[in-house]
């Protein structure tokens, strides 16, 4: 990808990697919050939520800078649109993590009772989301070189999304078969939905990069 050899585009590539790492931090904190809630360690869970919120705000700041850099660069119109679309999609992963954190806060503040086995099911989803984002970051790190490793990491993102899809249906089933009160059911379902959407958004990011790489080979 010759346009990445230009100084401006190299700055964008490094900024995109930094953005991805901050998004990864947000997803990791969400997973830790889920684990803490399952152990009824609400203090630790809320600390994770606080750190997640900081990561999400940092991701937003990087997104704004990156979009400004891309808009003022020497990319073609199509390359510029694709890259901005990718940056905004990646930021949405952090936004979904934030939504999940808000529902964890609500579960804690409303004293909604969620059984440990449900938290374990939710934890399986949040745990699988972390490697999905990690593979996406690896794709970003190597997106100036269409290598076997890059394509393998794109496929790994797709694999993780399929795993999370399967866990989503299993988790929702467990929630509806439980004896939780309606408030707990509603809030935990919303949390599960945010994990599913974060996984789907991660896949959409990989789709965008795949299209960009294919266009570069033409």
C-alpha atoms as a PDB file:
ATOM      1  CA  UNK A   1       0.000   0.000   0.000  1.00  0.00           C
ATOM      2  CA  UNK A   2       2.154   2.804  -1.333  1.00  0.00           C
ATOM      3  CA  UNK A   3       0.091   5.603   0.155  1.00  0.00           C
ATOM      4  CA  UNK A   4       1.039   4.378   3.636  1.00  0.00           C
ATOM      5  CA  UNK A   5       4.693   5.156   2.901  1.00  0.00           C
ATOM      6  CA  UNK A   6       3.952   8.886   2.891  1.00  0.00           C
ATOM      7  CA  UNK A   7       4.659  10.676   6.135  1.00  0.00           C
ATOM      8  CA  UNK A   8       1.084  11.819   6.684  1.00  0.00           C
ATOM      9  CA  UNK A   9      -0.315   8.339   6.132  1.00  0.00           C
ATOM     10  CA  UNK A  10       2.300   6.788   8.425  1.00  0.00           C
ATOM     11  CA  UNK A  11       1.087   9.129  11.161  1.00  0.00           C
ATOM     12  CA  UNK A  12      -2.471   7.999  10.478  1.00  0.00           C
ATOM     13  CA  UNK A  13      -1.474   4.333  10.599  1.00  0.00           C
ATOM     14  CA  UNK A  14       0.275   4.741  13.950  1.00  0.00           C
ATOM     15  CA  UNK A  15      -2.666   6.744  15.275  1.00  0.00           C
ATOM     16  CA  UNK A  16      -5.057   4.025  14.136  1.00  0.00           C
ATOM     17  CA  UNK A  17      -2.990   1.448  16.021  1.00  0.00           C
ATOM     18  CA  UNK A  18      -3.076   3.608  19.167  1.00  0.00           C
ATOM     19  CA  UNK A  19      -6.817   3.956  18.752  1.00  0.00           C
ATOM     20  CA  UNK A  20      -7.164   0.189  18.522  1.00  0.00           C
ATOM     21  CA  UNK A  21      -5.135  -0.366  21.683  1.00  0.00           C
ATOM     22  CA  UNK A  22      -7.323   2.051  23.653  1.00  0.00           C
ATOM     23  CA  UNK A  23     -10.437   0.280  22.356  1.00  0.00           C
ATOM     24  CA  UNK A  24      -8.851  -2.992  23.459  1.00  0.00           C
ATOM     25  CA  UNK A  25      -8.341  -1.522  26.928  1.00  0.00           C
ATOM     26  CA  UNK A  26     -12.052  -0.652  27.118  1.00  0.00           C
ATOM     27  CA  UNK A  27     -13.097  -4.174  26.137  1.00  0.00           C
ATOM     28  CA  UNK A  28     -10.670  -5.667  28.659  1.00  0.00           C
ATOM     29  CA  UNK A  29     -12.090  -3.525  31.473  1.00  0.00           C
ATOM     30  CA  UNK A  30     -15.604  -4.648  30.534  1.00  0.00           C
ATOM     31  CA  UNK A  31     -14.538  -8.277  30.850  1.00  0.00           C
ATOM     32  CA  UNK A  32     -12.947  -7.601  34.247  1.00  0.00           C
ATOM     33  CA  UNK A  33     -16.131  -5.844  35.406  1.00  0.00           C
ATOM     34  CA  UNK A  34     -18.221  -8.869  34.399  1.00  0.00           C
ATOM     35  CA  UNK A  35     -15.874 -11.190  36.295  1.00  0.00           C
ATOM     36  CA  UNK A  36     -16.048  -8.971  39.391  1.00  0.00           C
ATOM     37  CA  UNK A  37     -19.859  -8.846  39.266  1.00  0.00           C
ATOM     38  CA  UNK A  38     -19.956 -12.627  39.125  1.00  0.00           C
ATOM     39  CA  UNK A  39     -17.937 -12.688  42.342  1.00  0.00           C
ATOM     40  CA  UNK A  40     -20.226 -10.041  43.882  1.00  0.00           C
ATOM     41  CA  UNK A  41     -17.200  -7.757  44.142  1.00  0.00           C
ATOM     42  CA  UNK A  42     -19.070  -4.580  43.295  1.00  0.00           C
ATOM     43  CA  UNK A  43     -16.250  -2.280  44.375  1.00  0.00           C
ATOM     44  CA  UNK A  44     -13.816  -3.819  41.889  1.00  0.00           C
ATOM     45  CA  UNK A  45     -16.501  -3.889  39.200  1.00  0.00           C
ATOM     46  CA  UNK A  46     -17.158  -0.159  39.552  1.00  0.00           C
ATOM     47  CA  UNK A  47     -13.426   0.596  39.395  1.00  0.00           C
ATOM     48  CA  UNK A  48     -13.295  -1.341  36.128  1.00  0.00           C
ATOM     49  CA  UNK A  49     -16.255   0.689  34.868  1.00  0.00           C
ATOM     50  CA  UNK A  50     -14.485   3.943  35.762  1.00  0.00           C
ATOM     51  CA  UNK A  51     -11.350   2.886  33.867  1.00  0.00           C
ATOM     52  CA  UNK A  52     -13.475   1.794  30.926  1.00  0.00           C
ATOM     53  CA  UNK A  53     -15.131   5.205  30.765  1.00  0.00           C
ATOM     54  CA  UNK A  54     -11.712   6.876  30.672  1.00  0.00           C
ATOM     55  CA  UNK A  55     -10.602   4.591  27.840  1.00  0.00           C
ATOM     56  CA  UNK A  56     -13.783   5.306  25.881  1.00  0.00           C
ATOM     57  CA  UNK A  57     -13.266   9.067  26.201  1.00  0.00           C
ATOM     58  CA  UNK A  58      -9.645   8.699  25.091  1.00  0.00           C
ATOM     59  CA  UNK A  59     -10.783   6.625  22.110  1.00  0.00           C
ATOM     60  CA  UNK A  60     -13.184   9.430  21.142  1.00  0.00           C
ATOM     61  CA  UNK A  61     -10.367  11.995  21.269  1.00  0.00           C
ATOM     62  CA  UNK A  62      -8.112   9.847  19.085  1.00  0.00           C
ATOM     63  CA  UNK A  63     -10.994   9.269  16.662  1.00  0.00           C
ATOM     64  CA  UNK A  64     -11.472  13.026  16.228  1.00  0.00           C
ATOM     65  CA  UNK A  65      -7.749  13.601  15.605  1.00  0.00           C
ATOM     66  CA  UNK A  66      -7.499  10.704  13.170  1.00  0.00           C
ATOM     67  CA  UNK A  67     -10.491  11.794  11.130  1.00  0.00           C
ATOM     68  CA  UNK A  68      -9.013  15.296  10.888  1.00  0.00           C
ATOM     69  CA  UNK A  69      -5.648  13.881   9.776  1.00  0.00           C
ATOM     70  CA  UNK A  70      -7.254  11.632   7.178  1.00  0.00           C
ATOM     71  CA  UNK A  71      -9.404  14.469   5.821  1.00  0.00           C
ATOM     72  CA  UNK A  72      -6.320  16.640   5.325  1.00  0.00           C
ATOM     73  CA  UNK A  73      -4.114  13.937   3.841  1.00  0.00           C
ATOM     74  CA  UNK A  74      -3.227  13.030   0.252  1.00  0.00           C
ATOM     75  CA  UNK A  75      -5.420   9.936   0.007  1.00  0.00           C
ATOM     76  CA  UNK A  76      -7.845   9.382  -2.829  1.00  0.00           C
ATOM     77  CA  UNK A  77     -11.497  10.107  -2.112  1.00  0.00           C
ATOM     78  CA  UNK A  78     -12.320   6.388  -1.840  1.00  0.00           C
ATOM     79  CA  UNK A  79      -9.337   5.632   0.408  1.00  0.00           C
ATOM     80  CA  UNK A  80     -10.250   8.552   2.637  1.00  0.00           C
ATOM     81  CA  UNK A  81     -13.870   7.425   2.952  1.00  0.00           C
ATOM     82  CA  UNK A  82     -12.870   3.821   3.671  1.00  0.00           C
ATOM     83  CA  UNK A  83     -10.364   4.796   6.349  1.00  0.00           C
ATOM     84  CA  UNK A  84     -12.709   7.233   8.087  1.00  0.00           C
ATOM     85  CA  UNK A  85     -15.424   4.566   8.009  1.00  0.00           C
ATOM     86  CA  UNK A  86     -13.004   2.100   9.614  1.00  0.00           C
ATOM     87  CA  UNK A  87     -11.913   4.553  12.326  1.00  0.00           C
ATOM     88  CA  UNK A  88     -15.507   5.365  13.246  1.00  0.00           C
ATOM     89  CA  UNK A  89     -16.474   1.700  13.283  1.00  0.00           C
ATOM     90  CA  UNK A  90     -13.565   0.841  15.569  1.00  0.00           C
ATOM     91  CA  UNK A  91     -14.608   3.624  17.922  1.00  0.00           C
ATOM     92  CA  UNK A  92     -18.090   2.113  18.057  1.00  0.00           C
ATOM     93  CA  UNK A  93     -16.577  -0.982  19.694  1.00  0.00           C
ATOM     94  CA  UNK A  94     -15.554   1.217  22.627  1.00  0.00           C
ATOM     95  CA  UNK A  95     -19.005   2.829  22.568  1.00  0.00           C
ATOM     96  CA  UNK A  96     -20.652  -0.590  22.896  1.00  0.00           C
ATOM     97  CA  UNK A  97     -18.307  -1.425  25.765  1.00  0.00           C
ATOM     98  CA  UNK A  98     -19.415   1.806  27.440  1.00  0.00           C
ATOM     99  CA  UNK A  99     -23.062   0.818  26.958  1.00  0.00           C
ATOM    100  CA  UNK A 100     -22.299  -2.510  28.598  1.00  0.00           C
ATOM    101  CA  UNK A 101     -20.636  -0.743  31.514  1.00  0.00           C
ATOM    102  CA  UNK A 102     -23.690   1.466  32.003  1.00  0.00           C
ATOM    103  CA  UNK A 103     -25.895  -1.605  32.321  1.00  0.00           C
ATOM    104  CA  UNK A 104     -23.489  -3.106  34.846  1.00  0.00           C
ATOM    105  CA  UNK A 105     -23.793   0.111  36.841  1.00  0.00           C
ATOM    106  CA  UNK A 106     -27.584  -0.116  36.684  1.00  0.00           C
ATOM    107  CA  UNK A 107     -27.531  -3.742  37.792  1.00  0.00           C
ATOM    108  CA  UNK A 108     -25.485  -2.723  40.807  1.00  0.00           C
ATOM    109  CA  UNK A 109     -27.412   0.449  41.664  1.00  0.00           C
ATOM    110  CA  UNK A 110     -30.838  -1.202  41.392  1.00  0.00           C
ATOM    111  CA  UNK A 111     -29.686  -4.245  43.382  1.00  0.00           C
ATOM    112  CA  UNK A 112     -30.922  -6.500  40.593  1.00  0.00           C
ATOM    113  CA  UNK A 113     -30.004 -10.078  41.436  1.00  0.00           C
ATOM    114  CA  UNK A 114     -28.227 -12.035  38.712  1.00  0.00           C
ATOM    115  CA  UNK A 115     -27.173 -15.622  39.515  1.00  0.00           C
ATOM    116  CA  UNK A 116     -23.490 -16.476  39.359  1.00  0.00           C
ATOM    117  CA  UNK A 117     -24.029 -18.992  36.562  1.00  0.00           C
ATOM    118  CA  UNK A 118     -25.525 -16.240  34.380  1.00  0.00           C
ATOM    119  CA  UNK A 119     -22.496 -14.023  35.015  1.00  0.00           C
ATOM    120  CA  UNK A 120     -20.291 -16.957  34.018  1.00  0.00           C
ATOM    121  CA  UNK A 121     -22.197 -17.254  30.733  1.00  0.00           C
ATOM    122  CA  UNK A 122     -21.857 -13.509  30.100  1.00  0.00           C
ATOM    123  CA  UNK A 123     -18.168 -13.767  31.008  1.00  0.00           C
ATOM    124  CA  UNK A 124     -17.632 -16.305  28.250  1.00  0.00           C
ATOM    125  CA  UNK A 125     -18.800 -13.713  25.726  1.00  0.00           C
ATOM    126  CA  UNK A 126     -16.734 -10.850  27.142  1.00  0.00           C
ATOM    127  CA  UNK A 127     -13.647 -13.078  27.315  1.00  0.00           C
ATOM    128  CA  UNK A 128     -13.950 -14.028  23.634  1.00  0.00           C
ATOM    129  CA  UNK A 129     -14.356 -10.380  22.622  1.00  0.00           C
ATOM    130  CA  UNK A 130     -10.831  -9.535  23.824  1.00  0.00           C
ATOM    131  CA  UNK A 131      -8.948 -11.763  21.323  1.00  0.00           C
ATOM    132  CA  UNK A 132     -11.272 -10.575  18.550  1.00  0.00           C
ATOM    133  CA  UNK A 133     -10.175  -6.980  19.160  1.00  0.00           C
ATOM    134  CA  UNK A 134      -6.529  -8.075  19.545  1.00  0.00           C
ATOM    135  CA  UNK A 135      -6.613  -9.726  16.119  1.00  0.00           C
ATOM    136  CA  UNK A 136      -8.110  -6.541  14.675  1.00  0.00           C
ATOM    137  CA  UNK A 137      -5.279  -4.477  16.159  1.00  0.00           C
ATOM    138  CA  UNK A 138      -2.755  -6.878  14.591  1.00  0.00           C
ATOM    139  CA  UNK A 139      -4.446  -6.339  11.244  1.00  0.00           C
ATOM    140  CA  UNK A 140      -4.036  -2.576  11.675  1.00  0.00           C
ATOM    141  CA  UNK A 141      -0.351  -3.014  12.541  1.00  0.00           C
ATOM    142  CA  UNK A 142       0.257  -4.849   9.265  1.00  0.00           C
ATOM    143  CA  UNK A 143      -2.236  -3.196   6.947  1.00  0.00           C
ATOM    144  CA  UNK A 144       0.566  -1.636   4.872  1.00  0.00           C
ATOM    145  CA  UNK A 145       1.666  -5.163   3.930  1.00  0.00           C
ATOM    146  CA  UNK A 146      -0.823  -7.639   2.483  1.00  0.00           C
ATOM    147  CA  UNK A 147       0.766 -10.724   4.012  1.00  0.00           C
ATOM    148  CA  UNK A 148      -0.435 -14.177   4.984  1.00  0.00           C
ATOM    149  CA  UNK A 149      -0.358 -13.047   8.621  1.00  0.00           C
ATOM    150  CA  UNK A 150      -2.646 -10.101   7.878  1.00  0.00           C
ATOM    151  CA  UNK A 151      -5.179 -12.310   6.119  1.00  0.00           C
ATOM    152  CA  UNK A 152      -4.920 -14.873   8.916  1.00  0.00           C
ATOM    153  CA  UNK A 153      -5.745 -12.223  11.514  1.00  0.00           C
ATOM    154  CA  UNK A 154      -8.752 -11.074   9.482  1.00  0.00           C
ATOM    155  CA  UNK A 155     -10.005 -14.656   9.417  1.00  0.00           C
ATOM    156  CA  UNK A 156      -9.353 -14.898  13.170  1.00  0.00           C
ATOM    157  CA  UNK A 157     -11.643 -11.884  13.713  1.00  0.00           C
ATOM    158  CA  UNK A 158     -14.352 -13.670  11.734  1.00  0.00           C
ATOM    159  CA  UNK A 159     -13.818 -16.864  13.745  1.00  0.00           C
ATOM    160  CA  UNK A 160     -14.179 -15.013  17.051  1.00  0.00           C
ATOM    161  CA  UNK A 161     -17.353 -13.307  15.881  1.00  0.00           C
ATOM    162  CA  UNK A 162     -18.870 -16.689  15.065  1.00  0.00           C
ATOM    163  CA  UNK A 163     -17.911 -18.013  18.500  1.00  0.00           C
ATOM    164  CA  UNK A 164     -19.539 -15.030  20.197  1.00  0.00           C
ATOM    165  CA  UNK A 165     -22.659 -15.477  18.061  1.00  0.00           C
ATOM    166  CA  UNK A 166     -23.023 -19.013  19.402  1.00  0.00           C
ATOM    167  CA  UNK A 167     -22.451 -17.870  22.965  1.00  0.00           C
ATOM    168  CA  UNK A 168     -25.017 -15.099  22.529  1.00  0.00           C
ATOM    169  CA  UNK A 169     -27.869 -17.501  21.785  1.00  0.00           C
ATOM    170  CA  UNK A 170     -26.808 -19.807  24.619  1.00  0.00           C
ATOM    171  CA  UNK A 171     -26.633 -16.884  27.041  1.00  0.00           C
ATOM    172  CA  UNK A 172     -30.019 -15.462  26.075  1.00  0.00           C
ATOM    173  CA  UNK A 173     -31.558 -18.916  26.489  1.00  0.00           C
ATOM    174  CA  UNK A 174     -30.117 -19.232  29.997  1.00  0.00           C
ATOM    175  CA  UNK A 175     -31.480 -15.805  30.932  1.00  0.00           C
ATOM    176  CA  UNK A 176     -35.006 -16.654  29.841  1.00  0.00           C
ATOM    177  CA  UNK A 177     -34.923 -20.007  31.594  1.00  0.00           C
ATOM    178  CA  UNK A 178     -33.806 -18.404  34.845  1.00  0.00           C
ATOM    179  CA  UNK A 179     -35.943 -17.259  37.757  1.00  0.00           C
ATOM    180  CA  UNK A 180     -34.664 -13.671  37.692  1.00  0.00           C
ATOM    181  CA  UNK A 181     -37.108 -10.818  38.161  1.00  0.00           C
ATOM    182  CA  UNK A 182     -38.095  -8.776  35.048  1.00  0.00           C
ATOM    183  CA  UNK A 183     -35.759  -5.880  35.907  1.00  0.00           C
ATOM    184  CA  UNK A 184     -32.716  -8.151  36.134  1.00  0.00           C
ATOM    185  CA  UNK A 185     -33.714  -9.948  32.936  1.00  0.00           C
ATOM    186  CA  UNK A 186     -34.025  -6.664  31.046  1.00  0.00           C
ATOM    187  CA  UNK A 187     -30.689  -5.250  32.227  1.00  0.00           C
ATOM    188  CA  UNK A 188     -28.649  -8.424  31.737  1.00  0.00           C
ATOM    189  CA  UNK A 189     -30.168  -8.880  28.278  1.00  0.00           C
ATOM    190  CA  UNK A 190     -29.073  -5.365  27.367  1.00  0.00           C
ATOM    191  CA  UNK A 191     -25.555  -6.153  28.567  1.00  0.00           C
ATOM    192  CA  UNK A 192     -25.474  -9.340  26.485  1.00  0.00           C
ATOM    193  CA  UNK A 193     -26.723  -7.374  23.469  1.00  0.00           C
ATOM    194  CA  UNK A 194     -23.887  -4.837  23.782  1.00  0.00           C
ATOM    195  CA  UNK A 195     -21.329  -7.674  23.711  1.00  0.00           C
ATOM    196  CA  UNK A 196     -22.946  -9.128  20.605  1.00  0.00           C
ATOM    197  CA  UNK A 197     -22.962  -5.721  18.904  1.00  0.00           C
ATOM    198  CA  UNK A 198     -19.322  -5.067  19.834  1.00  0.00           C
ATOM    199  CA  UNK A 199     -18.378  -8.395  18.230  1.00  0.00           C
ATOM    200  CA  UNK A 200     -20.410  -7.609  15.100  1.00  0.00           C
ATOM    201  CA  UNK A 201     -18.823  -4.159  14.848  1.00  0.00           C
ATOM    202  CA  UNK A 202     -15.360  -5.703  15.143  1.00  0.00           C
ATOM    203  CA  UNK A 203     -16.204  -7.970  12.213  1.00  0.00           C
ATOM    204  CA  UNK A 204     -17.429  -4.954  10.237  1.00  0.00           C
ATOM    205  CA  UNK A 205     -14.044  -3.325  10.835  1.00  0.00           C
ATOM    206  CA  UNK A 206     -12.284  -6.405   9.470  1.00  0.00           C
ATOM    207  CA  UNK A 207     -14.611  -6.330   6.445  1.00  0.00           C
ATOM    208  CA  UNK A 208     -13.631  -2.727   5.747  1.00  0.00           C
ATOM    209  CA  UNK A 209      -9.908  -3.472   5.954  1.00  0.00           C
ATOM    210  CA  UNK A 210     -10.351  -6.515   3.722  1.00  0.00           C
ATOM    211  CA  UNK A 211     -12.011  -4.315   1.088  1.00  0.00           C
ATOM    212  CA  UNK A 212      -9.246  -1.726   1.389  1.00  0.00           C
ATOM    213  CA  UNK A 213      -6.533  -4.370   0.965  1.00  0.00           C
ATOM    214  CA  UNK A 214      -8.311  -5.914  -2.026  1.00  0.00           C
ATOM    215  CA  UNK A 215      -8.546  -2.499  -3.679  1.00  0.00           C
ATOM    216  CA  UNK A 216      -4.805  -1.968  -3.183  1.00  0.00           C
ATOM    217  CA  UNK A 217      -4.037  -5.253  -4.976  1.00  0.00           C
ATOM    218  CA  UNK A 218      -6.073  -4.275  -8.024  1.00  0.00           C
END
